[in-house]
Amino acid sequence: MHTAYLALGTNLGNRTENLCAALDALAPSVVIRHLSPIYETPPWGLTDQPAFLNMVLHGETDLEPVALLHHLKELETVLGRVPSIRWGPRLIDMDILFYDDLILDVPGLTIPHPRLHVRAFVLVPLADLAPDLIHPVLGKPVRDLLAAVDMTGVKRYGSTS
């Protein structure tokens, strides 16, 4: 089994149900070991859209990286995601953040995720699960990557603070 960290996000429809449906759909190809809390986050890239709910999961899979990516994209479609503009609103989004300690750059897939180190909406929930996980390209732990980003607007979902 391979260890994978996946990011999930949604900003359309019933966002909580979207995340739950995505988590349910991952089995049996991805065995979920740990889930981060859910965070409400401002949109990134294209800012004129609803806020997102984001979370990260730590799981195990027998799928190789490209097969895992294809599985995630197929699930997004099954769950109702419709192709749209880059960084636009979406019913569900699932991305591979890390896969073992693999460094991979092939057409359509880069691992570690090439922008995870600048995205608070990924780093905050990832740090809940694996603050000491070392980014194999940057050589820094997740906690240090998180300390370097602006976390403005990122709040635990359902939290009053």
Protein backbone atom coordinates (compact mmCIF):
# COMPACT_ATOMS: atom_id res chain seq x y z
CA MET A 1 0.00 0.00 0.00
CA HIS A 2 1.09 3.54 -0.77
CA THR A 3 0.52 6.53 1.49
CA ALA A 4 -1.25 9.48 -0.07
CA TYR A 5 -2.40 12.87 1.17
CA LEU A 6 -5.37 14.21 -0.77
CA ALA A 7 -6.99 17.64 -0.68
CA LEU A 8 -10.76 17.98 -1.09
CA GLY A 9 -12.60 21.23 -1.76
CA THR A 10 -16.07 22.44 -2.69
CA ASN A 11 -17.92 25.74 -3.00
CA LEU A 12 -21.18 24.89 -4.77
CA GLY A 13 -24.39 23.30 -3.50
CA ASN A 14 -24.43 21.63 -0.10
CA ARG A 15 -20.72 21.80 0.57
CA THR A 16 -20.73 19.46 3.58
CA GLU A 17 -22.68 16.81 1.67
CA ASN A 18 -20.28 17.20 -1.27
CA LEU A 19 -17.29 16.42 0.95
CA CYS A 20 -19.08 13.46 2.57
CA ALA A 21 -20.05 12.06 -0.85
CA ALA A 22 -16.46 12.37 -2.06
CA LEU A 23 -15.11 10.61 1.03
CA ASP A 24 -17.64 7.80 0.63
CA ALA A 25 -16.82 7.41 -3.07
CA LEU A 26 -13.09 6.92 -2.50
CA ALA A 27 -13.49 3.39 -1.11
CA PRO A 28 -12.31 0.80 -1.84
CA SER A 29 -9.51 2.32 -3.95
CA VAL A 30 -8.43 4.69 -1.17
CA VAL A 31 -8.55 3.56 2.45
CA ILE A 32 -8.95 6.64 4.63
CA ARG A 33 -6.73 6.58 7.72
CA HIS A 34 -7.16 10.13 9.05
CA LEU A 35 -9.23 13.19 8.21
CA SER A 36 -8.46 16.82 8.99
CA PRO A 37 -11.11 19.15 10.30
CA ILE A 38 -13.05 21.02 7.63
CA TYR A 39 -12.08 24.64 7.02
CA GLU A 40 -14.00 27.43 5.35
CA THR A 41 -11.63 29.37 3.15
CA PRO A 42 -11.76 32.30 0.78
CA PRO A 43 -11.44 31.47 -2.92
CA TRP A 44 -7.92 31.42 -4.36
CA GLY A 45 -6.97 32.52 -7.85
CA LEU A 46 -10.42 33.64 -8.97
CA THR A 47 -11.83 35.51 -5.98
CA ASP A 48 -15.33 36.45 -7.21
CA GLN A 49 -17.04 33.22 -6.12
CA PRO A 50 -18.43 31.60 -2.96
CA ALA A 51 -16.21 30.50 -0.08
CA PHE A 52 -14.86 26.95 -0.12
CA LEU A 53 -14.93 24.13 2.37
CA ASN A 54 -11.56 22.36 2.34
CA MET A 55 -10.09 19.37 4.07
CA VAL A 56 -7.20 16.93 3.72
CA LEU A 57 -7.13 13.19 4.17
CA HIS A 58 -4.34 10.76 4.82
CA GLY A 59 -5.03 7.47 3.09
CA GLU A 60 -3.58 4.34 1.60
CA THR A 61 -4.00 3.03 -1.92
CA ASP A 62 -2.77 0.29 -4.20
CA LEU A 63 -3.24 2.59 -7.20
CA GLU A 64 -0.17 4.00 -8.85
CA PRO A 65 -0.04 7.83 -9.05
CA VAL A 66 -1.47 8.32 -12.55
CA ALA A 67 -4.18 5.70 -11.92
CA LEU A 68 -5.04 7.46 -8.65
CA LEU A 69 -5.35 10.79 -10.47
CA HIS A 70 -7.64 9.24 -13.09
CA HIS A 71 -9.73 7.66 -10.34
CA LEU A 72 -10.11 11.02 -8.56
CA LYS A 73 -11.07 12.85 -11.76
CA GLU A 74 -13.60 10.13 -12.63
CA LEU A 75 -15.13 10.41 -9.15
CA GLU A 76 -15.37 14.20 -9.51
CA THR A 77 -17.40 13.69 -12.69
CA VAL A 78 -19.61 11.02 -11.12
CA LEU A 79 -20.23 13.34 -8.16
CA GLY A 80 -21.39 16.11 -10.51
CA ARG A 81 -18.37 18.27 -11.27
CA VAL A 82 -18.75 20.06 -14.57
CA PRO A 83 -15.72 21.42 -16.45
CA SER A 84 -15.35 25.14 -15.85
CA ILE A 85 -12.77 27.90 -15.86
CA ARG A 86 -9.48 27.38 -14.04
CA TRP A 87 -9.79 28.05 -10.30
CA GLY A 88 -13.52 28.64 -10.78
CA PRO A 89 -16.41 27.40 -8.65
CA ARG A 90 -16.75 23.65 -8.35
CA LEU A 91 -18.97 21.06 -6.79
CA ILE A 92 -15.97 18.95 -5.77
CA ASP A 93 -12.23 19.01 -6.33
CA MET A 94 -9.79 16.29 -5.29
CA ASP A 95 -6.05 16.69 -5.65
CA ILE A 96 -3.05 14.54 -4.80
CA LEU A 97 -0.77 16.49 -2.47
CA PHE A 98 1.80 13.80 -1.62
CA TYR A 99 2.23 10.17 -2.63
CA ASP A 100 4.75 8.38 -0.43
CA ASP A 101 7.89 10.53 -0.75
CA LEU A 102 7.62 10.49 -4.53
CA ILE A 103 8.77 13.34 -6.75
CA LEU A 104 6.98 13.03 -10.10
CA ASP A 105 6.48 15.37 -13.03
CA VAL A 106 4.63 13.83 -15.97
CA PRO A 107 2.08 15.42 -18.31
CA GLY A 108 -1.03 16.18 -16.26
CA LEU A 109 0.43 15.24 -12.87
CA THR A 110 3.05 16.75 -10.60
CA ILE A 111 3.72 15.29 -7.15
CA PRO A 112 4.08 16.89 -4.69
CA HIS A 113 1.30 19.20 -5.80
CA PRO A 114 3.14 22.15 -7.37
CA ARG A 115 1.26 24.91 -5.51
CA LEU A 116 0.54 23.33 -2.14
CA HIS A 117 3.30 25.32 -0.43
CA VAL A 118 1.59 28.66 -1.21
CA ARG A 119 -1.99 27.68 -0.38
CA ALA A 120 -3.19 28.15 3.17
CA PHE A 121 -6.40 26.29 2.33
CA VAL A 122 -4.27 23.17 1.83
CA LEU A 123 -1.54 23.74 4.40
CA VAL A 124 -3.83 24.47 7.37
CA PRO A 125 -5.69 21.13 7.23
CA LEU A 126 -2.53 19.28 6.14
CA ALA A 127 -0.72 20.61 9.21
CA ASP A 128 -3.50 19.18 11.38
CA LEU A 129 -2.62 15.71 10.08
CA ALA A 130 1.10 15.84 9.37
CA PRO A 131 2.92 18.94 10.66
CA ASP A 132 6.28 17.16 10.53
CA LEU A 133 5.85 15.71 7.04
CA ILE A 134 8.80 16.83 4.93
CA HIS A 135 8.10 18.23 1.47
CA PRO A 136 10.47 16.09 -0.64
CA VAL A 137 11.30 18.91 -3.07
CA LEU A 138 11.53 21.87 -0.69
CA GLY A 139 13.06 19.88 2.19
CA LYS A 140 10.87 21.65 4.76
CA PRO A 141 8.22 20.33 7.12
CA VAL A 142 4.60 21.25 6.53
CA ARG A 143 4.59 23.37 9.72
CA ASP A 144 7.32 25.61 8.27
CA LEU A 145 5.51 25.92 4.94
CA LEU A 146 2.36 26.92 6.81
CA ALA A 147 4.23 29.55 8.83
CA ALA A 148 5.24 31.24 5.57
CA VAL A 149 1.71 31.74 4.13
CA ASP A 150 -1.07 34.23 4.81
CA MET A 151 -3.87 32.42 6.65
CA THR A 152 -6.30 35.35 6.51
CA GLY A 153 -9.88 34.15 6.19
CA VAL A 154 -9.14 30.47 6.90
CA LYS A 155 -11.32 29.28 9.77
CA ARG A 156 -12.43 25.94 11.10
CA TYR A 157 -15.90 25.26 9.74
CA GLY A 158 -18.58 25.53 12.37
CA SER A 159 -16.20 27.37 14.69
CA THR A 160 -17.25 30.72 16.11
CA SER A 161 -13.68 32.04 16.18
